N, C-alpha and C. Protein backbone atom coordinates (compact mmCIF):
# COMPACT_ATOMS: atom_id res chain seq x y z
N GLY A 1 1.75 24.86 6.57
CA GLY A 1 1.53 26.27 6.62
C GLY A 1 2.75 27.06 6.20
N ALA A 2 3.96 26.58 6.56
CA ALA A 2 5.18 27.33 6.25
C ALA A 2 5.38 27.45 4.75
N LEU A 3 5.18 26.37 4.02
CA LEU A 3 5.36 26.40 2.57
C LEU A 3 4.34 27.33 1.93
N MET A 4 3.09 27.23 2.35
CA MET A 4 2.06 28.10 1.79
C MET A 4 2.34 29.56 2.11
N ALA A 5 2.77 29.84 3.34
CA ALA A 5 3.09 31.22 3.73
C ALA A 5 4.23 31.76 2.88
N GLU A 6 5.20 30.91 2.58
CA GLU A 6 6.32 31.33 1.74
C GLU A 6 5.85 31.60 0.31
N VAL A 7 5.00 30.73 -0.21
CA VAL A 7 4.49 30.88 -1.58
C VAL A 7 3.71 32.18 -1.75
N ILE A 8 2.94 32.55 -0.74
CA ILE A 8 2.15 33.79 -0.86
C ILE A 8 2.93 35.02 -0.41
N GLY A 9 4.22 34.81 -0.08
CA GLY A 9 5.07 35.94 0.27
C GLY A 9 4.88 36.47 1.68
N ARG A 10 4.38 35.64 2.60
CA ARG A 10 4.16 36.08 3.98
C ARG A 10 4.71 35.04 4.96
N PRO A 11 6.03 34.81 4.93
CA PRO A 11 6.61 33.78 5.79
C PRO A 11 6.40 34.02 7.28
N ALA A 12 6.20 35.26 7.68
CA ALA A 12 5.98 35.56 9.10
C ALA A 12 4.63 35.02 9.59
N CYS A 13 3.73 34.72 8.68
CA CYS A 13 2.39 34.24 9.04
C CYS A 13 2.28 32.72 9.04
N ALA A 14 3.40 32.01 8.95
CA ALA A 14 3.37 30.55 8.80
C ALA A 14 2.61 29.86 9.92
N GLU A 15 2.88 30.20 11.15
CA GLU A 15 2.22 29.53 12.28
C GLU A 15 0.72 29.81 12.29
N GLU A 16 0.35 31.06 12.08
CA GLU A 16 -1.07 31.43 12.05
C GLU A 16 -1.79 30.73 10.91
N LEU A 17 -1.15 30.68 9.74
CA LEU A 17 -1.75 30.02 8.59
C LEU A 17 -1.92 28.52 8.85
N ALA A 18 -0.92 27.90 9.45
CA ALA A 18 -1.01 26.47 9.77
C ALA A 18 -2.17 26.20 10.72
N GLU A 19 -2.34 27.04 11.73
CA GLU A 19 -3.45 26.88 12.68
C GLU A 19 -4.80 27.02 11.98
N GLN A 20 -4.91 27.99 11.07
CA GLN A 20 -6.16 28.18 10.33
C GLN A 20 -6.46 27.00 9.42
N LEU A 21 -5.43 26.49 8.74
CA LEU A 21 -5.63 25.33 7.87
C LEU A 21 -6.06 24.10 8.66
N LEU A 22 -5.42 23.86 9.81
CA LEU A 22 -5.79 22.71 10.64
C LEU A 22 -7.20 22.85 11.19
N ALA A 23 -7.58 24.05 11.58
CA ALA A 23 -8.94 24.28 12.09
C ALA A 23 -9.96 24.05 10.98
N ALA A 24 -9.66 24.52 9.77
CA ALA A 24 -10.57 24.32 8.64
C ALA A 24 -10.70 22.83 8.32
N TYR A 25 -9.59 22.09 8.38
CA TYR A 25 -9.63 20.66 8.11
C TYR A 25 -10.47 19.93 9.16
N ARG A 26 -10.26 20.27 10.43
CA ARG A 26 -11.05 19.63 11.49
C ARG A 26 -12.54 19.89 11.31
N ALA A 27 -12.89 21.12 10.93
CA ALA A 27 -14.30 21.46 10.71
C ALA A 27 -14.87 20.65 9.55
N LEU A 28 -14.09 20.51 8.49
CA LEU A 28 -14.53 19.74 7.33
C LEU A 28 -14.75 18.27 7.70
N VAL A 29 -13.82 17.68 8.43
CA VAL A 29 -13.95 16.28 8.84
C VAL A 29 -15.15 16.11 9.78
N ALA A 30 -15.33 17.07 10.67
CA ALA A 30 -16.46 16.99 11.61
C ALA A 30 -17.80 17.05 10.87
N ARG A 31 -17.85 17.83 9.78
CA ARG A 31 -19.09 17.95 8.99
C ARG A 31 -19.35 16.70 8.16
N ASP A 32 -18.29 16.11 7.61
CA ASP A 32 -18.46 14.97 6.71
C ASP A 32 -17.38 13.92 7.00
N PRO A 33 -17.56 13.15 8.08
CA PRO A 33 -16.54 12.17 8.45
C PRO A 33 -16.66 10.88 7.65
N SER A 34 -16.30 10.93 6.37
CA SER A 34 -16.38 9.72 5.56
C SER A 34 -14.98 9.32 5.09
N PRO A 35 -14.62 8.05 5.30
CA PRO A 35 -13.29 7.60 4.89
C PRO A 35 -13.22 7.39 3.38
N MET A 36 -12.01 7.19 2.89
CA MET A 36 -11.79 6.85 1.49
C MET A 36 -12.59 5.59 1.17
N SER A 37 -13.12 5.53 -0.02
CA SER A 37 -13.91 4.39 -0.45
C SER A 37 -13.15 3.08 -0.24
N GLY A 38 -13.74 2.17 0.52
CA GLY A 38 -13.14 0.87 0.79
C GLY A 38 -12.23 0.82 2.00
N ALA A 39 -11.92 1.97 2.59
CA ALA A 39 -10.98 2.00 3.72
C ALA A 39 -11.51 1.23 4.92
N ARG A 40 -12.76 1.43 5.25
CA ARG A 40 -13.32 0.78 6.44
C ARG A 40 -13.21 -0.75 6.32
N GLU A 41 -13.61 -1.30 5.18
CA GLU A 41 -13.56 -2.76 5.01
C GLU A 41 -12.12 -3.27 5.00
N LEU A 42 -11.23 -2.59 4.26
CA LEU A 42 -9.84 -3.05 4.18
C LEU A 42 -9.16 -3.01 5.55
N VAL A 43 -9.31 -1.91 6.27
CA VAL A 43 -8.69 -1.79 7.59
C VAL A 43 -9.25 -2.85 8.54
N THR A 44 -10.54 -3.07 8.49
CA THR A 44 -11.16 -4.08 9.37
C THR A 44 -10.60 -5.47 9.07
N VAL A 45 -10.51 -5.82 7.79
CA VAL A 45 -9.98 -7.13 7.40
C VAL A 45 -8.51 -7.26 7.80
N LEU A 46 -7.71 -6.24 7.49
CA LEU A 46 -6.28 -6.32 7.79
C LEU A 46 -6.00 -6.34 9.28
N SER A 47 -6.82 -5.66 10.06
CA SER A 47 -6.58 -5.62 11.51
C SER A 47 -6.80 -6.99 12.16
N ARG A 48 -7.48 -7.88 11.46
CA ARG A 48 -7.67 -9.25 11.97
C ARG A 48 -6.45 -10.13 11.70
N THR A 49 -5.59 -9.69 10.77
CA THR A 49 -4.47 -10.53 10.35
C THR A 49 -3.11 -10.04 10.82
N ALA A 50 -2.99 -8.77 11.12
CA ALA A 50 -1.69 -8.21 11.52
C ALA A 50 -1.90 -6.90 12.26
N PRO A 51 -0.95 -6.53 13.10
CA PRO A 51 -1.04 -5.22 13.75
C PRO A 51 -0.85 -4.12 12.71
N LEU A 52 -1.53 -3.01 12.91
CA LEU A 52 -1.49 -1.91 11.95
C LEU A 52 -0.94 -0.65 12.60
N ALA A 53 -0.31 0.18 11.77
CA ALA A 53 0.19 1.48 12.21
C ALA A 53 -0.06 2.48 11.09
N VAL A 54 -0.12 3.75 11.45
CA VAL A 54 -0.23 4.83 10.47
C VAL A 54 1.10 5.57 10.47
N ALA A 55 1.63 5.84 9.28
CA ALA A 55 2.82 6.67 9.11
C ALA A 55 2.37 7.87 8.29
N SER A 56 2.36 9.05 8.91
CA SER A 56 1.79 10.23 8.26
C SER A 56 2.67 11.45 8.46
N ASN A 57 2.59 12.38 7.52
CA ASN A 57 3.26 13.67 7.68
C ASN A 57 2.41 14.66 8.46
N CYS A 58 1.16 14.34 8.71
CA CYS A 58 0.26 15.23 9.45
C CYS A 58 0.57 15.17 10.95
N PRO A 59 0.16 16.18 11.70
CA PRO A 59 0.32 16.11 13.16
C PRO A 59 -0.47 14.93 13.73
N ALA A 60 0.07 14.30 14.76
CA ALA A 60 -0.55 13.11 15.36
C ALA A 60 -1.98 13.36 15.80
N ASP A 61 -2.24 14.52 16.42
CA ASP A 61 -3.60 14.78 16.89
C ASP A 61 -4.58 14.87 15.73
N LEU A 62 -4.13 15.36 14.58
CA LEU A 62 -5.00 15.46 13.41
C LEU A 62 -5.28 14.07 12.83
N VAL A 63 -4.25 13.22 12.77
CA VAL A 63 -4.43 11.85 12.28
C VAL A 63 -5.40 11.11 13.18
N GLU A 64 -5.18 11.21 14.49
CA GLU A 64 -6.05 10.51 15.44
C GLU A 64 -7.47 11.04 15.38
N PHE A 65 -7.63 12.35 15.25
CA PHE A 65 -8.96 12.96 15.12
C PHE A 65 -9.67 12.42 13.87
N SER A 66 -8.94 12.38 12.76
CA SER A 66 -9.53 11.90 11.50
C SER A 66 -9.95 10.44 11.60
N LEU A 67 -9.06 9.60 12.13
CA LEU A 67 -9.38 8.18 12.26
C LEU A 67 -10.51 7.93 13.25
N GLU A 68 -10.52 8.67 14.34
CA GLU A 68 -11.60 8.54 15.33
C GLU A 68 -12.93 8.98 14.73
N SER A 69 -12.90 10.04 13.91
CA SER A 69 -14.12 10.56 13.29
C SER A 69 -14.81 9.55 12.39
N VAL A 70 -14.01 8.66 11.79
CA VAL A 70 -14.59 7.64 10.90
C VAL A 70 -14.63 6.26 11.57
N GLY A 71 -14.34 6.21 12.86
CA GLY A 71 -14.45 4.97 13.61
C GLY A 71 -13.37 3.94 13.34
N LEU A 72 -12.17 4.39 12.93
CA LEU A 72 -11.11 3.45 12.61
C LEU A 72 -9.90 3.49 13.54
N LEU A 73 -9.83 4.46 14.42
CA LEU A 73 -8.63 4.63 15.25
C LEU A 73 -8.30 3.37 16.06
N HIS A 74 -9.30 2.69 16.57
CA HIS A 74 -9.05 1.51 17.42
C HIS A 74 -8.36 0.36 16.68
N HIS A 75 -8.33 0.40 15.36
CA HIS A 75 -7.66 -0.65 14.59
C HIS A 75 -6.14 -0.46 14.54
N PHE A 76 -5.65 0.72 14.90
CA PHE A 76 -4.23 1.04 14.75
C PHE A 76 -3.53 1.06 16.10
N GLU A 77 -2.42 0.34 16.17
CA GLU A 77 -1.64 0.29 17.41
C GLU A 77 -0.75 1.52 17.58
N HIS A 78 -0.32 2.10 16.46
CA HIS A 78 0.59 3.24 16.53
C HIS A 78 0.25 4.27 15.46
N VAL A 79 0.48 5.52 15.79
CA VAL A 79 0.44 6.62 14.83
C VAL A 79 1.82 7.25 14.87
N VAL A 80 2.53 7.20 13.75
CA VAL A 80 3.90 7.72 13.69
C VAL A 80 3.92 8.94 12.77
N VAL A 81 4.44 10.03 13.31
CA VAL A 81 4.52 11.29 12.57
C VAL A 81 5.93 11.86 12.72
N PRO A 82 6.29 12.81 11.84
CA PRO A 82 7.61 13.43 11.97
C PRO A 82 7.70 14.25 13.25
N GLU A 83 8.55 13.85 14.14
CA GLU A 83 8.84 14.62 15.35
C GLU A 83 10.17 14.12 15.90
N GLY A 84 10.91 15.02 16.51
CA GLY A 84 12.23 14.66 17.00
C GLY A 84 13.11 14.23 15.84
N PRO A 85 13.75 13.07 15.95
CA PRO A 85 14.64 12.62 14.87
C PRO A 85 13.91 12.02 13.67
N ILE A 86 12.60 11.86 13.76
CA ILE A 86 11.83 11.25 12.67
C ILE A 86 11.51 12.32 11.63
N ARG A 87 12.13 12.19 10.46
CA ARG A 87 11.95 13.16 9.38
C ARG A 87 10.70 12.84 8.57
N PRO A 88 10.13 13.85 7.89
CA PRO A 88 8.92 13.63 7.10
C PRO A 88 9.20 12.87 5.81
N LYS A 89 8.14 12.34 5.24
CA LYS A 89 8.23 11.75 3.91
C LYS A 89 8.69 12.86 2.95
N PRO A 90 9.54 12.57 2.01
CA PRO A 90 9.91 11.29 1.40
C PRO A 90 11.01 10.51 2.12
N TYR A 91 11.51 11.03 3.25
CA TYR A 91 12.46 10.23 4.02
C TYR A 91 11.73 8.99 4.53
N PRO A 92 12.43 7.88 4.73
CA PRO A 92 11.78 6.64 5.16
C PRO A 92 11.47 6.57 6.65
N ASP A 93 11.81 7.61 7.40
CA ASP A 93 11.77 7.56 8.87
C ASP A 93 10.42 7.16 9.46
N THR A 94 9.32 7.73 8.96
CA THR A 94 8.01 7.41 9.56
C THR A 94 7.67 5.94 9.37
N TYR A 95 7.94 5.42 8.18
CA TYR A 95 7.67 4.01 7.93
C TYR A 95 8.62 3.11 8.71
N ALA A 96 9.90 3.45 8.74
CA ALA A 96 10.87 2.64 9.48
C ALA A 96 10.50 2.60 10.97
N GLU A 97 10.06 3.72 11.51
CA GLU A 97 9.67 3.76 12.92
C GLU A 97 8.38 2.97 13.16
N ALA A 98 7.43 3.06 12.25
CA ALA A 98 6.19 2.30 12.39
C ALA A 98 6.48 0.80 12.40
N VAL A 99 7.33 0.35 11.49
CA VAL A 99 7.70 -1.06 11.42
C VAL A 99 8.42 -1.47 12.71
N ARG A 100 9.32 -0.62 13.19
CA ARG A 100 10.04 -0.92 14.44
C ARG A 100 9.06 -1.06 15.60
N ARG A 101 8.12 -0.13 15.71
CA ARG A 101 7.15 -0.17 16.82
C ARG A 101 6.26 -1.40 16.76
N LEU A 102 6.01 -1.89 15.55
CA LEU A 102 5.19 -3.09 15.40
C LEU A 102 5.99 -4.37 15.64
N GLY A 103 7.30 -4.23 15.82
CA GLY A 103 8.14 -5.38 16.09
C GLY A 103 8.46 -6.21 14.87
N SER A 104 8.43 -5.60 13.71
CA SER A 104 8.69 -6.32 12.47
C SER A 104 10.01 -5.85 11.87
N ASN A 105 10.49 -6.58 10.88
CA ASN A 105 11.69 -6.14 10.17
C ASN A 105 11.33 -5.44 8.86
N GLY A 106 10.09 -5.38 8.52
CA GLY A 106 9.64 -4.67 7.33
C GLY A 106 9.55 -5.50 6.07
N GLU A 107 10.18 -6.66 6.05
CA GLU A 107 10.15 -7.47 4.83
C GLU A 107 8.74 -7.88 4.45
N ASN A 108 7.89 -8.11 5.43
CA ASN A 108 6.52 -8.51 5.15
C ASN A 108 5.52 -7.41 5.46
N ALA A 109 6.02 -6.19 5.56
CA ALA A 109 5.14 -5.05 5.81
C ALA A 109 4.63 -4.50 4.48
N LEU A 110 3.48 -3.90 4.54
CA LEU A 110 2.85 -3.34 3.35
C LEU A 110 2.38 -1.93 3.66
N ALA A 111 2.72 -1.00 2.79
CA ALA A 111 2.25 0.38 2.92
C ALA A 111 1.18 0.63 1.88
N VAL A 112 0.19 1.43 2.25
CA VAL A 112 -0.84 1.87 1.32
C VAL A 112 -0.68 3.38 1.23
N GLU A 113 -0.43 3.90 0.02
CA GLU A 113 -0.06 5.30 -0.15
C GLU A 113 -0.80 5.95 -1.30
N ASP A 114 -1.05 7.26 -1.14
CA ASP A 114 -1.70 8.02 -2.20
C ASP A 114 -0.87 9.21 -2.67
N SER A 115 0.40 9.29 -2.27
CA SER A 115 1.26 10.39 -2.71
C SER A 115 2.62 9.86 -3.14
N VAL A 116 3.26 10.56 -4.07
CA VAL A 116 4.58 10.14 -4.53
C VAL A 116 5.59 10.19 -3.38
N ASN A 117 5.54 11.24 -2.55
CA ASN A 117 6.45 11.30 -1.40
C ASN A 117 6.24 10.13 -0.46
N GLY A 118 5.00 9.75 -0.24
CA GLY A 118 4.70 8.60 0.60
C GLY A 118 5.19 7.29 -0.01
N LEU A 119 5.00 7.15 -1.33
CA LEU A 119 5.49 5.96 -2.02
C LEU A 119 7.00 5.86 -1.89
N ARG A 120 7.69 6.99 -2.09
CA ARG A 120 9.15 7.00 -1.96
C ARG A 120 9.58 6.61 -0.55
N ALA A 121 8.92 7.17 0.44
CA ALA A 121 9.28 6.89 1.84
C ALA A 121 9.12 5.41 2.15
N ALA A 122 8.00 4.84 1.76
CA ALA A 122 7.74 3.42 2.04
C ALA A 122 8.73 2.53 1.31
N LYS A 123 8.97 2.84 0.07
CA LYS A 123 9.91 2.04 -0.73
C LYS A 123 11.31 2.10 -0.12
N ARG A 124 11.74 3.30 0.28
CA ARG A 124 13.07 3.46 0.88
C ARG A 124 13.17 2.75 2.22
N ALA A 125 12.05 2.55 2.89
CA ALA A 125 12.04 1.82 4.17
C ALA A 125 11.99 0.31 3.95
N GLY A 126 11.94 -0.12 2.69
CA GLY A 126 11.96 -1.54 2.38
C GLY A 126 10.61 -2.21 2.36
N LEU A 127 9.54 -1.44 2.30
CA LEU A 127 8.19 -2.00 2.31
C LEU A 127 7.69 -2.22 0.90
N ARG A 128 6.77 -3.15 0.75
CA ARG A 128 6.00 -3.25 -0.48
C ARG A 128 4.97 -2.14 -0.40
N VAL A 129 4.57 -1.62 -1.56
CA VAL A 129 3.70 -0.45 -1.54
C VAL A 129 2.53 -0.64 -2.50
N VAL A 130 1.32 -0.42 -1.97
CA VAL A 130 0.13 -0.35 -2.80
C VAL A 130 -0.16 1.14 -2.99
N GLY A 131 -0.13 1.58 -4.24
CA GLY A 131 -0.47 2.96 -4.56
C GLY A 131 -1.96 3.06 -4.81
N VAL A 132 -2.55 4.18 -4.39
CA VAL A 132 -4.00 4.36 -4.52
C VAL A 132 -4.28 5.70 -5.18
N GLY A 133 -5.16 5.68 -6.18
CA GLY A 133 -5.59 6.93 -6.80
C GLY A 133 -6.09 6.70 -8.21
N ALA A 134 -6.85 7.66 -8.69
CA ALA A 134 -7.48 7.54 -10.00
C ALA A 134 -6.48 7.71 -11.15
N ARG A 135 -5.54 8.63 -11.01
CA ARG A 135 -4.61 8.92 -12.11
C ARG A 135 -3.17 8.91 -11.63
N PRO A 136 -2.54 7.75 -11.59
CA PRO A 136 -1.16 7.69 -11.11
C PRO A 136 -0.19 8.31 -12.11
N SER A 137 0.82 8.98 -11.58
CA SER A 137 1.89 9.50 -12.43
C SER A 137 2.84 8.35 -12.77
N PRO A 138 3.67 8.52 -13.80
CA PRO A 138 4.65 7.47 -14.11
C PRO A 138 5.55 7.16 -12.91
N ASP A 139 5.96 8.19 -12.16
CA ASP A 139 6.78 7.96 -10.96
C ASP A 139 6.04 7.10 -9.94
N ALA A 140 4.77 7.40 -9.74
CA ALA A 140 3.97 6.65 -8.76
C ALA A 140 3.86 5.18 -9.17
N LEU A 141 3.65 4.93 -10.43
CA LEU A 141 3.55 3.55 -10.91
C LEU A 141 4.86 2.81 -10.72
N ASP A 142 5.98 3.48 -10.99
CA ASP A 142 7.29 2.85 -10.82
C ASP A 142 7.58 2.49 -9.37
N LEU A 143 7.07 3.28 -8.44
CA LEU A 143 7.36 3.08 -7.02
C LEU A 143 6.44 2.07 -6.33
N SER A 144 5.35 1.70 -6.97
CA SER A 144 4.38 0.84 -6.30
C SER A 144 4.47 -0.61 -6.79
N SER A 145 4.21 -1.53 -5.87
CA SER A 145 4.15 -2.95 -6.21
C SER A 145 2.83 -3.26 -6.90
N LEU A 146 1.80 -2.51 -6.54
CA LEU A 146 0.47 -2.66 -7.10
C LEU A 146 -0.18 -1.29 -7.08
N TRP A 147 -0.90 -0.94 -8.13
CA TRP A 147 -1.64 0.32 -8.16
C TRP A 147 -3.13 -0.01 -8.25
N VAL A 148 -3.93 0.61 -7.38
CA VAL A 148 -5.37 0.42 -7.41
C VAL A 148 -6.06 1.78 -7.47
N ARG A 149 -7.21 1.80 -8.10
CA ARG A 149 -7.97 3.04 -8.23
C ARG A 149 -8.50 3.49 -6.86
N ASP A 150 -8.96 2.51 -6.07
CA ASP A 150 -9.44 2.82 -4.72
C ASP A 150 -9.28 1.56 -3.87
N LEU A 151 -9.61 1.68 -2.60
CA LEU A 151 -9.39 0.57 -1.68
C LEU A 151 -10.43 -0.53 -1.79
N GLU A 152 -11.38 -0.38 -2.69
CA GLU A 152 -12.36 -1.44 -2.97
C GLU A 152 -11.90 -2.36 -4.09
N ASP A 153 -10.70 -2.14 -4.60
CA ASP A 153 -10.18 -2.92 -5.72
C ASP A 153 -10.30 -4.42 -5.42
N PRO A 154 -10.87 -5.20 -6.35
CA PRO A 154 -11.08 -6.63 -6.11
C PRO A 154 -9.79 -7.40 -5.83
N GLU A 155 -8.71 -7.09 -6.54
CA GLU A 155 -7.44 -7.80 -6.32
C GLU A 155 -6.91 -7.53 -4.91
N LEU A 156 -6.98 -6.29 -4.48
CA LEU A 156 -6.50 -5.93 -3.14
C LEU A 156 -7.36 -6.60 -2.07
N MET A 157 -8.67 -6.54 -2.23
CA MET A 157 -9.56 -7.14 -1.23
C MET A 157 -9.44 -8.67 -1.21
N ALA A 158 -9.25 -9.29 -2.38
CA ALA A 158 -9.07 -10.75 -2.42
C ALA A 158 -7.81 -11.14 -1.67
N TRP A 159 -6.73 -10.36 -1.87
CA TRP A 159 -5.49 -10.64 -1.14
C TRP A 159 -5.72 -10.49 0.37
N ALA A 160 -6.33 -9.38 0.77
CA ALA A 160 -6.55 -9.11 2.20
C ALA A 160 -7.42 -10.18 2.83
N ASN A 161 -8.46 -10.60 2.14
CA ASN A 161 -9.35 -11.62 2.68
C ASN A 161 -8.71 -13.01 2.72
N GLY A 162 -7.63 -13.22 1.97
CA GLY A 162 -6.96 -14.51 1.95
C GLY A 162 -5.87 -14.66 2.98
N LEU A 163 -5.59 -13.62 3.75
CA LEU A 163 -4.55 -13.70 4.78
C LEU A 163 -5.01 -14.55 5.95
N PRO A 164 -4.08 -15.28 6.55
CA PRO A 164 -4.47 -16.06 7.73
C PRO A 164 -4.70 -15.14 8.92
N PRO A 165 -5.59 -15.52 9.84
CA PRO A 165 -5.81 -14.69 11.03
C PRO A 165 -4.55 -14.60 11.88
N ALA A 166 -4.38 -13.49 12.53
CA ALA A 166 -3.21 -13.31 13.39
C ALA A 166 -3.35 -14.18 14.63
N THR A 167 -2.25 -14.77 15.03
CA THR A 167 -2.27 -15.54 16.27
C THR A 167 -1.63 -14.74 17.40
N ARG A 168 -0.93 -13.68 17.03
CA ARG A 168 -0.27 -12.85 18.04
C ARG A 168 -0.64 -11.39 17.79
N ARG A 169 -1.70 -10.92 18.36
CA ARG A 169 -2.12 -9.53 18.21
C ARG A 169 -1.76 -8.75 19.46
N ARG A 170 -1.31 -7.55 19.26
CA ARG A 170 -1.06 -6.59 20.33
C ARG A 170 -0.15 -7.14 21.43
N SER A 171 0.78 -7.99 21.04
CA SER A 171 1.68 -8.56 22.03
C SER A 171 3.06 -7.93 21.97
N GLY A 172 3.30 -7.15 20.94
CA GLY A 172 4.63 -6.59 20.74
C GLY A 172 5.51 -7.50 19.91
N ALA A 173 5.08 -8.74 19.71
CA ALA A 173 5.86 -9.67 18.90
C ALA A 173 5.64 -9.37 17.43
N ALA A 174 6.64 -9.67 16.64
CA ALA A 174 6.53 -9.43 15.20
C ALA A 174 5.52 -10.40 14.61
N PHE A 175 4.77 -9.93 13.67
CA PHE A 175 3.85 -10.79 12.93
C PHE A 175 4.33 -10.84 11.50
N GLU A 176 4.55 -12.00 10.99
CA GLU A 176 5.01 -12.17 9.62
C GLU A 176 3.97 -12.99 8.86
N PRO A 177 3.13 -12.35 8.05
CA PRO A 177 2.11 -13.11 7.33
C PRO A 177 2.76 -14.08 6.35
N SER A 178 2.09 -15.21 6.14
CA SER A 178 2.65 -16.23 5.26
C SER A 178 2.27 -16.00 3.80
N VAL A 179 1.38 -15.07 3.55
CA VAL A 179 0.96 -14.78 2.18
C VAL A 179 1.62 -13.47 1.76
N PRO A 180 2.43 -13.48 0.68
CA PRO A 180 3.09 -12.24 0.29
C PRO A 180 2.09 -11.19 -0.17
N PRO A 181 2.37 -9.93 0.11
CA PRO A 181 1.48 -8.86 -0.34
C PRO A 181 1.41 -8.82 -1.86
N PRO A 182 0.39 -8.16 -2.42
CA PRO A 182 0.25 -8.09 -3.87
C PRO A 182 1.50 -7.50 -4.50
N GLY A 183 1.85 -7.99 -5.67
CA GLY A 183 3.01 -7.47 -6.38
C GLY A 183 4.29 -8.22 -6.06
N GLY A 184 4.25 -9.19 -5.17
CA GLY A 184 5.44 -9.97 -4.86
C GLY A 184 6.44 -9.21 -4.01
N PRO A 185 7.70 -9.68 -4.00
CA PRO A 185 8.71 -9.07 -3.14
C PRO A 185 9.07 -7.68 -3.62
N PRO A 186 9.60 -6.84 -2.71
CA PRO A 186 9.97 -5.50 -3.12
C PRO A 186 11.12 -5.55 -4.11
N ASP A 187 11.23 -4.51 -4.93
CA ASP A 187 12.36 -4.41 -5.86
C ASP A 187 13.64 -4.31 -5.06
N THR A 188 14.75 -4.59 -5.71
CA THR A 188 16.03 -4.50 -5.02
C THR A 188 16.78 -3.25 -5.44
N ASP A 189 16.05 -2.18 -5.71
CA ASP A 189 16.69 -0.91 -6.06
C ASP A 189 17.64 -0.48 -4.96
N ALA A 190 18.64 0.29 -5.33
CA ALA A 190 19.63 0.75 -4.35
C ALA A 190 19.01 1.60 -3.26
N ASP A 191 17.87 2.25 -3.55
CA ASP A 191 17.29 3.14 -2.54
C ASP A 191 16.44 2.40 -1.52
N VAL A 192 16.25 1.11 -1.67
CA VAL A 192 15.49 0.35 -0.69
C VAL A 192 16.43 -0.04 0.45
N LEU A 193 16.04 0.31 1.66
CA LEU A 193 16.88 0.00 2.82
C LEU A 193 16.75 -1.47 3.18
N ARG A 194 17.81 -2.08 3.58
CA ARG A 194 17.81 -3.48 4.00
C ARG A 194 18.28 -3.58 5.42
């Protein structure tokens, strides 16, 4: 809301505008609670193999509302959003915190992202990244280990279905899958945190 209020020349209305935008979004989700194509199947498959978390720039209550509306919230152990010392994407903080809460070191973590800021954040946190969308920008392609048009992509689903079942779910222990995510190991760019 603050950015939009500034763009339209009414910075004093930022809070009111943010509330109106969030209310409009909630109403839209309530009217048509449909997830991204392939999300339900991918999340269901992945939740059998490893603990899952959401790293989002949206408010936590909005993320939880959206996931609950499409019946997916129960698959996620954590919802991490910018608050306190956790900075928003493109900073790596949300992803780094999600990985920490899952008890992993991030080397075998995988992010699924649909924005350049999200891709940057995940990459900087040391994660492999699957980019999603119909028309990726050159920056988006450079930042992703794999780019798919949607979450029904056969290569992505074949990888997800080939993962071994988790033996340690919801225990707080780190889970390190033995099958590398699509695209192989992360690049060793200087901006990737180790």
